[in-house]
Amino acid sequence: MASTVVPSTTKTKQSAENQSSDDTPITEEELKKKETPITINDVLRLKKSTNDYLTATDENVYKIDFVHFRIRDMKTNKVLFEVQRESDVDESMEEVDPSAGRFVQYRFPPAFLKLKQVGALVGFKVGDREVKSFRMIERHFFHDQLIKSFDFDFGFCPPNTTNSIEHIYDMPDIDSKQMKEMINHPHETKSDSFYFVDNQLIMHKKATYAFDLNHSH
């Protein structure tokens, strides 16, 4: 299989909030009933994290499969989290649990909230169809308050390739009061990662975050 490396670091675009052409709030339930494909503008109108997935599975006609993920502190280059697998390792599990591989619980030390930049490297395989305009919208919430919305463009991915890209996250400024709340309420900080091809939602992943690793009250 050929290997294509998308540029190794990609910064967030202009705030995704400002790109929305329609900011009328919409609910998760309304999106699930939508008869036309869910678009980038649709998910930008969500005002809280989702309770369920907006796609039935992560299976898609492009056969995009994520096989490597790493988070590092950009200042020190310290790896904070990493997982890697072969693309077919979890197939039997996914047949039983359609949400397998779609949900992650992260646990970081409190100091993570003070970082200025982190790099999130993802490696993924593409099937026999080219992928045009592959894009991710990732939205982070704490107690249904939007902390930050990220917009990353993977660009064009040729068919039958292994691709890697590192997204650079400029971390949000969090005041000491909210930081304490986030530390004291593990896994109540949540994110939705929505993946689009040609502005149509094809995958949806979810995560929760705890910032109490090695933390004593």
C-alpha atoms as a PDB file:
ATOM      1  CA  MET A   1       0.000   0.000   0.000  1.00  0.00           C
ATOM      2  CA  ALA A   2       1.309   3.442  -0.879  1.00  0.00           C
ATOM      3  CA  SER A   3       1.938   5.898   1.893  1.00  0.00           C
ATOM      4  CA  THR A   4       1.072   9.557   1.633  1.00  0.00           C
ATOM      5  CA  VAL A   5       1.996  12.044   4.313  1.00  0.00           C
ATOM      6  CA  VAL A   6      -0.257  15.071   4.536  1.00  0.00           C
ATOM      7  CA  PRO A   7       1.703  18.148   5.795  1.00  0.00           C
ATOM      8  CA  SER A   8       2.837  17.285   9.286  1.00  0.00           C
ATOM      9  CA  THR A   9       1.413  20.267  11.119  1.00  0.00           C
ATOM     10  CA  THR A  10      -1.803  22.060  10.375  1.00  0.00           C
ATOM     11  CA  LYS A  11      -3.102  24.926  12.452  1.00  0.00           C
ATOM     12  CA  THR A  12      -6.771  25.576  13.053  1.00  0.00           C
ATOM     13  CA  LYS A  13      -8.509  27.631  10.434  1.00  0.00           C
ATOM     14  CA  GLN A  14     -10.393  30.795  11.231  1.00  0.00           C
ATOM     15  CA  SER A  15     -12.754  30.022  14.078  1.00  0.00           C
ATOM     16  CA  ALA A  16     -15.378  27.578  12.883  1.00  0.00           C
ATOM     17  CA  GLU A  17     -17.928  29.626  14.786  1.00  0.00           C
ATOM     18  CA  ASN A  18     -17.370  32.506  12.391  1.00  0.00           C
ATOM     19  CA  GLN A  19     -17.752  30.320   9.303  1.00  0.00           C
ATOM     20  CA  SER A  20     -21.296  29.251  10.041  1.00  0.00           C
ATOM     21  CA  SER A  21     -23.778  30.780   7.608  1.00  0.00           C
ATOM     22  CA  ASP A  22     -26.738  29.966   9.844  1.00  0.00           C
ATOM     23  CA  ASP A  23     -26.305  30.191  13.611  1.00  0.00           C
ATOM     24  CA  THR A  24     -29.882  29.274  14.497  1.00  0.00           C
ATOM     25  CA  PRO A  25     -29.622  26.676  17.305  1.00  0.00           C
ATOM     26  CA  ILE A  26     -30.478  23.100  16.412  1.00  0.00           C
ATOM     27  CA  THR A  27     -30.877  20.031  18.608  1.00  0.00           C
ATOM     28  CA  GLU A  28     -29.388  16.577  18.315  1.00  0.00           C
ATOM     29  CA  GLU A  29     -32.895  15.153  17.908  1.00  0.00           C
ATOM     30  CA  GLU A  30     -33.619  17.478  14.994  1.00  0.00           C
ATOM     31  CA  LEU A  31     -30.422  16.444  13.237  1.00  0.00           C
ATOM     32  CA  LYS A  32     -31.269  12.752  13.642  1.00  0.00           C
ATOM     33  CA  LYS A  33     -34.575  13.366  11.865  1.00  0.00           C
ATOM     34  CA  LYS A  34     -32.965  15.303   9.043  1.00  0.00           C
ATOM     35  CA  GLU A  35     -33.690  13.690   5.674  1.00  0.00           C
ATOM     36  CA  THR A  36     -30.742  15.276   3.869  1.00  0.00           C
ATOM     37  CA  PRO A  37     -27.067  14.697   4.788  1.00  0.00           C
ATOM     38  CA  ILE A  38     -25.793  16.419   7.919  1.00  0.00           C
ATOM     39  CA  THR A  39     -23.422  19.269   7.009  1.00  0.00           C
ATOM     40  CA  ILE A  40     -20.698  21.249   8.733  1.00  0.00           C
ATOM     41  CA  ASN A  41     -23.077  24.142   9.263  1.00  0.00           C
ATOM     42  CA  ASP A  42     -25.524  21.791  11.002  1.00  0.00           C
ATOM     43  CA  VAL A  43     -23.101  20.631  13.699  1.00  0.00           C
ATOM     44  CA  LEU A  44     -21.883  24.186  14.309  1.00  0.00           C
ATOM     45  CA  ARG A  45     -25.423  25.010  15.393  1.00  0.00           C
ATOM     46  CA  LEU A  46     -25.396  22.455  18.226  1.00  0.00           C
ATOM     47  CA  LYS A  47     -25.261  24.219  21.590  1.00  0.00           C
ATOM     48  CA  LYS A  48     -24.179  21.261  23.712  1.00  0.00           C
ATOM     49  CA  SER A  49     -22.399  17.941  23.389  1.00  0.00           C
ATOM     50  CA  THR A  50     -24.364  15.069  21.912  1.00  0.00           C
ATOM     51  CA  ASN A  51     -25.767  12.203  23.961  1.00  0.00           C
ATOM     52  CA  ASP A  52     -25.617   9.752  21.078  1.00  0.00           C
ATOM     53  CA  TYR A  53     -23.936   9.404  17.698  1.00  0.00           C
ATOM     54  CA  LEU A  54     -25.165  11.215  14.598  1.00  0.00           C
ATOM     55  CA  THR A  55     -23.981   8.361  12.363  1.00  0.00           C
ATOM     56  CA  ALA A  56     -25.080   4.761  12.841  1.00  0.00           C
ATOM     57  CA  THR A  57     -21.496   3.440  12.610  1.00  0.00           C
ATOM     58  CA  ASP A  58     -18.090   4.664  11.485  1.00  0.00           C
ATOM     59  CA  GLU A  59     -18.360   2.485   8.384  1.00  0.00           C
ATOM     60  CA  ASN A  60     -18.257   4.654   5.273  1.00  0.00           C
ATOM     61  CA  VAL A  61     -17.962   4.249   1.524  1.00  0.00           C
ATOM     62  CA  TYR A  62     -14.420   5.644   1.618  1.00  0.00           C
ATOM     63  CA  LYS A  63     -13.314   2.925   4.091  1.00  0.00           C
ATOM     64  CA  ILE A  64     -11.462   5.502   6.191  1.00  0.00           C
ATOM     65  CA  ASP A  65      -9.955   3.726   9.191  1.00  0.00           C
ATOM     66  CA  PHE A  66      -7.977   5.447  11.957  1.00  0.00           C
ATOM     67  CA  VAL A  67      -5.018   3.346  13.114  1.00  0.00           C
ATOM     68  CA  HIS A  68      -2.722   5.714  15.035  1.00  0.00           C
ATOM     69  CA  PHE A  69      -3.287   8.566  17.456  1.00  0.00           C
ATOM     70  CA  ARG A  70      -0.788  10.553  19.527  1.00  0.00           C
ATOM     71  CA  ILE A  71      -1.044  13.680  21.684  1.00  0.00           C
ATOM     72  CA  ARG A  72       2.092  15.635  22.593  1.00  0.00           C
ATOM     73  CA  ASP A  73       2.983  18.889  24.327  1.00  0.00           C
ATOM     74  CA  MET A  74       4.329  21.147  21.579  1.00  0.00           C
ATOM     75  CA  LYS A  75       6.628  23.027  23.955  1.00  0.00           C
ATOM     76  CA  THR A  76       8.418  20.046  25.502  1.00  0.00           C
ATOM     77  CA  ASN A  77       7.641  17.411  22.841  1.00  0.00           C
ATOM     78  CA  LYS A  78       6.508  15.084  25.647  1.00  0.00           C
ATOM     79  CA  VAL A  79       4.050  12.408  24.491  1.00  0.00           C
ATOM     80  CA  LEU A  80       0.927  12.582  26.650  1.00  0.00           C
ATOM     81  CA  PHE A  81      -1.127   9.826  25.019  1.00  0.00           C
ATOM     82  CA  GLU A  82      -0.573   7.337  22.204  1.00  0.00           C
ATOM     83  CA  VAL A  83      -2.383   4.350  20.767  1.00  0.00           C
ATOM     84  CA  GLN A  84      -1.653   2.397  17.590  1.00  0.00           C
ATOM     85  CA  ARG A  85      -3.303  -0.649  16.048  1.00  0.00           C
ATOM     86  CA  GLU A  86      -3.545  -2.594  12.835  1.00  0.00           C
ATOM     87  CA  SER A  87      -6.679  -1.746  10.887  1.00  0.00           C
ATOM     88  CA  ASP A  88      -8.181  -5.233  11.205  1.00  0.00           C
ATOM     89  CA  VAL A  89      -7.456  -5.860  14.908  1.00  0.00           C
ATOM     90  CA  ASP A  90     -10.804  -4.664  16.226  1.00  0.00           C
ATOM     91  CA  GLU A  91     -13.087  -5.937  13.467  1.00  0.00           C
ATOM     92  CA  SER A  92     -14.573  -8.758  15.559  1.00  0.00           C
ATOM     93  CA  MET A  93     -15.227  -6.340  18.414  1.00  0.00           C
ATOM     94  CA  GLU A  94     -16.888  -3.830  16.121  1.00  0.00           C
ATOM     95  CA  GLU A  95     -19.293  -6.493  14.896  1.00  0.00           C
ATOM     96  CA  VAL A  96     -20.542  -6.892  18.463  1.00  0.00           C
ATOM     97  CA  ASP A  97     -20.263  -3.280  19.607  1.00  0.00           C
ATOM     98  CA  PRO A  98     -20.899  -0.691  16.861  1.00  0.00           C
ATOM     99  CA  SER A  99     -19.496   2.058  19.123  1.00  0.00           C
ATOM    100  CA  ALA A 100     -16.130   0.305  19.581  1.00  0.00           C
ATOM    101  CA  GLY A 101     -13.343   2.669  18.632  1.00  0.00           C
ATOM    102  CA  ARG A 102     -15.696   5.650  18.542  1.00  0.00           C
ATOM    103  CA  PHE A 103     -15.480   6.659  22.194  1.00  0.00           C
ATOM    104  CA  VAL A 104     -12.397   7.476  24.271  1.00  0.00           C
ATOM    105  CA  GLN A 105     -11.983   8.419  27.938  1.00  0.00           C
ATOM    106  CA  TYR A 106      -8.876  10.533  28.442  1.00  0.00           C
ATOM    107  CA  ARG A 107      -7.195  11.147  31.768  1.00  0.00           C
ATOM    108  CA  PHE A 108      -4.574  13.857  32.104  1.00  0.00           C
ATOM    109  CA  PRO A 109      -2.865  15.657  35.009  1.00  0.00           C
ATOM    110  CA  PRO A 110      -4.276  19.084  35.988  1.00  0.00           C
ATOM    111  CA  ALA A 111      -1.272  20.759  34.355  1.00  0.00           C
ATOM    112  CA  PHE A 112      -2.699  19.741  30.957  1.00  0.00           C
ATOM    113  CA  LEU A 113      -5.190  22.610  31.259  1.00  0.00           C
ATOM    114  CA  LYS A 114      -2.303  25.094  31.404  1.00  0.00           C
ATOM    115  CA  LEU A 115      -0.653  23.959  28.182  1.00  0.00           C
ATOM    116  CA  LYS A 116      -0.545  26.499  25.360  1.00  0.00           C
ATOM    117  CA  GLN A 117      -0.359  24.110  22.404  1.00  0.00           C
ATOM    118  CA  VAL A 118      -0.731  20.383  21.887  1.00  0.00           C
ATOM    119  CA  GLY A 119      -0.179  18.366  18.740  1.00  0.00           C
ATOM    120  CA  ALA A 120      -2.592  15.572  17.869  1.00  0.00           C
ATOM    121  CA  LEU A 121      -1.184  13.238  15.233  1.00  0.00           C
ATOM    122  CA  VAL A 122      -3.597  10.889  13.486  1.00  0.00           C
ATOM    123  CA  GLY A 123      -2.796   8.096  11.064  1.00  0.00           C
ATOM    124  CA  PHE A 124      -5.530   6.667   8.874  1.00  0.00           C
ATOM    125  CA  LYS A 125      -6.025   4.412   5.886  1.00  0.00           C
ATOM    126  CA  VAL A 126      -8.178   5.135   2.865  1.00  0.00           C
ATOM    127  CA  GLY A 127      -9.913   2.526   0.700  1.00  0.00           C
ATOM    128  CA  ASP A 128     -10.199   2.369  -3.071  1.00  0.00           C
ATOM    129  CA  ARG A 129     -11.994   5.699  -3.466  1.00  0.00           C
ATOM    130  CA  GLU A 130     -10.255   9.075  -3.418  1.00  0.00           C
ATOM    131  CA  VAL A 131     -11.320  11.394  -0.617  1.00  0.00           C
ATOM    132  CA  LYS A 132     -11.907  15.007  -1.539  1.00  0.00           C
ATOM    133  CA  SER A 133     -12.191  17.763   1.043  1.00  0.00           C
ATOM    134  CA  PHE A 134     -11.823  15.579   4.146  1.00  0.00           C
ATOM    135  CA  ARG A 135     -12.502  17.826   7.123  1.00  0.00           C
ATOM    136  CA  MET A 136     -13.032  17.562  10.869  1.00  0.00           C
ATOM    137  CA  ILE A 137     -15.012  19.806  13.192  1.00  0.00           C
ATOM    138  CA  GLU A 138     -14.230  19.177  16.857  1.00  0.00           C
ATOM    139  CA  ARG A 139     -16.196  20.868  19.617  1.00  0.00           C
ATOM    140  CA  HIS A 140     -15.321  20.795  23.322  1.00  0.00           C
ATOM    141  CA  PHE A 141     -17.884  21.424  26.048  1.00  0.00           C
ATOM    142  CA  PHE A 142     -17.904  21.617  29.822  1.00  0.00           C
ATOM    143  CA  HIS A 143     -21.353  21.419  31.422  1.00  0.00           C
ATOM    144  CA  ASP A 144     -22.867  22.201  28.017  1.00  0.00           C
ATOM    145  CA  GLN A 145     -20.818  25.376  27.676  1.00  0.00           C
ATOM    146  CA  LEU A 146     -18.725  25.539  24.523  1.00  0.00           C
ATOM    147  CA  ILE A 147     -15.047  25.841  25.451  1.00  0.00           C
ATOM    148  CA  LYS A 148     -13.624  25.845  21.944  1.00  0.00           C
ATOM    149  CA  SER A 149     -14.484  24.763  18.421  1.00  0.00           C
ATOM    150  CA  PHE A 150     -11.747  23.536  16.087  1.00  0.00           C
ATOM    151  CA  ASP A 151     -11.840  23.237  12.305  1.00  0.00           C
ATOM    152  CA  PHE A 152      -9.199  21.062  10.616  1.00  0.00           C
ATOM    153  CA  ASP A 153      -8.823  20.352   6.915  1.00  0.00           C
ATOM    154  CA  PHE A 154      -7.183  17.036   5.944  1.00  0.00           C
ATOM    155  CA  GLY A 155      -7.332  18.036   2.283  1.00  0.00           C
ATOM    156  CA  PHE A 156      -7.238  15.506  -0.551  1.00  0.00           C
ATOM    157  CA  CYS A 157      -6.380  11.865   0.211  1.00  0.00           C
ATOM    158  CA  PRO A 158      -5.583   9.502  -2.702  1.00  0.00           C
ATOM    159  CA  PRO A 159      -7.135   6.024  -2.772  1.00  0.00           C
ATOM    160  CA  ASN A 160      -5.375   3.044  -1.167  1.00  0.00           C
ATOM    161  CA  THR A 161      -3.026   5.163   0.918  1.00  0.00           C
ATOM    162  CA  THR A 162      -1.919   5.476   4.510  1.00  0.00           C
ATOM    163  CA  ASN A 163      -1.984   9.099   5.600  1.00  0.00           C
ATOM    164  CA  SER A 164      -0.815  10.992   8.650  1.00  0.00           C
ATOM    165  CA  ILE A 165      -1.413  14.537   9.774  1.00  0.00           C
ATOM    166  CA  GLU A 166      -0.727  16.410  12.974  1.00  0.00           C
ATOM    167  CA  HIS A 167      -3.246  18.997  14.075  1.00  0.00           C
ATOM    168  CA  ILE A 168      -1.928  21.784  16.262  1.00  0.00           C
ATOM    169  CA  TYR A 169      -4.386  22.790  18.964  1.00  0.00           C
ATOM    170  CA  ASP A 170      -4.078  26.286  20.378  1.00  0.00           C
ATOM    171  CA  MET A 171      -5.462  25.579  23.821  1.00  0.00           C
ATOM    172  CA  PRO A 172      -8.225  27.832  25.146  1.00  0.00           C
ATOM    173  CA  ASP A 173      -7.544  30.273  27.963  1.00  0.00           C
ATOM    174  CA  ILE A 174      -9.309  28.911  31.035  1.00  0.00           C
ATOM    175  CA  ASP A 175      -9.644  30.981  34.193  1.00  0.00           C
ATOM    176  CA  SER A 176      -8.688  29.475  37.541  1.00  0.00           C
ATOM    177  CA  LYS A 177     -12.294  29.042  38.698  1.00  0.00           C
ATOM    178  CA  GLN A 178     -13.348  27.062  35.648  1.00  0.00           C
ATOM    179  CA  MET A 179     -10.100  25.107  35.720  1.00  0.00           C
ATOM    180  CA  LYS A 180     -10.862  23.997  39.269  1.00  0.00           C
ATOM    181  CA  GLU A 181     -14.381  22.985  38.247  1.00  0.00           C
ATOM    182  CA  MET A 182     -13.058  20.919  35.349  1.00  0.00           C
ATOM    183  CA  ILE A 183     -10.546  19.178  37.616  1.00  0.00           C
ATOM    184  CA  ASN A 184     -13.166  18.452  40.282  1.00  0.00           C
ATOM    185  CA  HIS A 185     -15.679  17.062  37.774  1.00  0.00           C
ATOM    186  CA  PRO A 186     -13.851  14.328  35.846  1.00  0.00           C
ATOM    187  CA  HIS A 187     -15.319  13.246  32.504  1.00  0.00           C
ATOM    188  CA  GLU A 188     -17.815  16.099  32.488  1.00  0.00           C
ATOM    189  CA  THR A 189     -15.645  17.805  29.878  1.00  0.00           C
ATOM    190  CA  LYS A 190     -16.736  16.292  26.573  1.00  0.00           C
ATOM    191  CA  SER A 191     -15.965  16.549  22.885  1.00  0.00           C
ATOM    192  CA  ASP A 192     -17.610  15.630  19.601  1.00  0.00           C
ATOM    193  CA  SER A 193     -15.431  15.016  16.548  1.00  0.00           C
ATOM    194  CA  PHE A 194     -17.383  15.198  13.304  1.00  0.00           C
ATOM    195  CA  TYR A 195     -15.732  14.039  10.063  1.00  0.00           C
ATOM    196  CA  PHE A 196     -16.953  15.233   6.668  1.00  0.00           C
ATOM    197  CA  VAL A 197     -16.231  14.459   3.026  1.00  0.00           C
ATOM    198  CA  ASP A 198     -17.564  17.034   0.559  1.00  0.00           C
ATOM    199  CA  ASN A 199     -19.518  18.614   3.431  1.00  0.00           C
ATOM    200  CA  GLN A 200     -21.405  15.414   4.292  1.00  0.00           C
ATOM    201  CA  LEU A 201     -21.020  13.798   7.729  1.00  0.00           C
ATOM    202  CA  ILE A 202     -19.502  10.318   7.452  1.00  0.00           C
ATOM    203  CA  MET A 203     -18.122   9.655  10.966  1.00  0.00           C
ATOM    204  CA  HIS A 204     -18.745  10.836  14.508  1.00  0.00           C
ATOM    205  CA  LYS A 205     -16.463  10.154  17.473  1.00  0.00           C
ATOM    206  CA  LYS A 206     -16.915  11.171  21.108  1.00  0.00           C
ATOM    207  CA  ALA A 207     -14.619  11.616  24.112  1.00  0.00           C
ATOM    208  CA  THR A 208     -14.659  12.632  27.754  1.00  0.00           C
ATOM    209  CA  TYR A 209     -11.789  14.129  29.728  1.00  0.00           C
ATOM    210  CA  ALA A 210     -10.591  13.931  33.323  1.00  0.00           C
ATOM    211  CA  PHE A 211      -7.836  16.213  34.595  1.00  0.00           C
ATOM    212  CA  ASP A 212      -7.223  14.552  37.940  1.00  0.00           C
ATOM    213  CA  LEU A 213      -4.313  12.207  37.185  1.00  0.00           C
ATOM    214  CA  ASN A 214      -1.984  12.172  40.218  1.00  0.00           C
ATOM    215  CA  HIS A 215      -4.086  14.974  41.688  1.00  0.00           C
ATOM    216  CA  SER A 216      -4.779  15.139  45.408  1.00  0.00           C
ATOM    217  CA  HIS A 217      -7.627  17.274  46.684  1.00  0.00           C
END
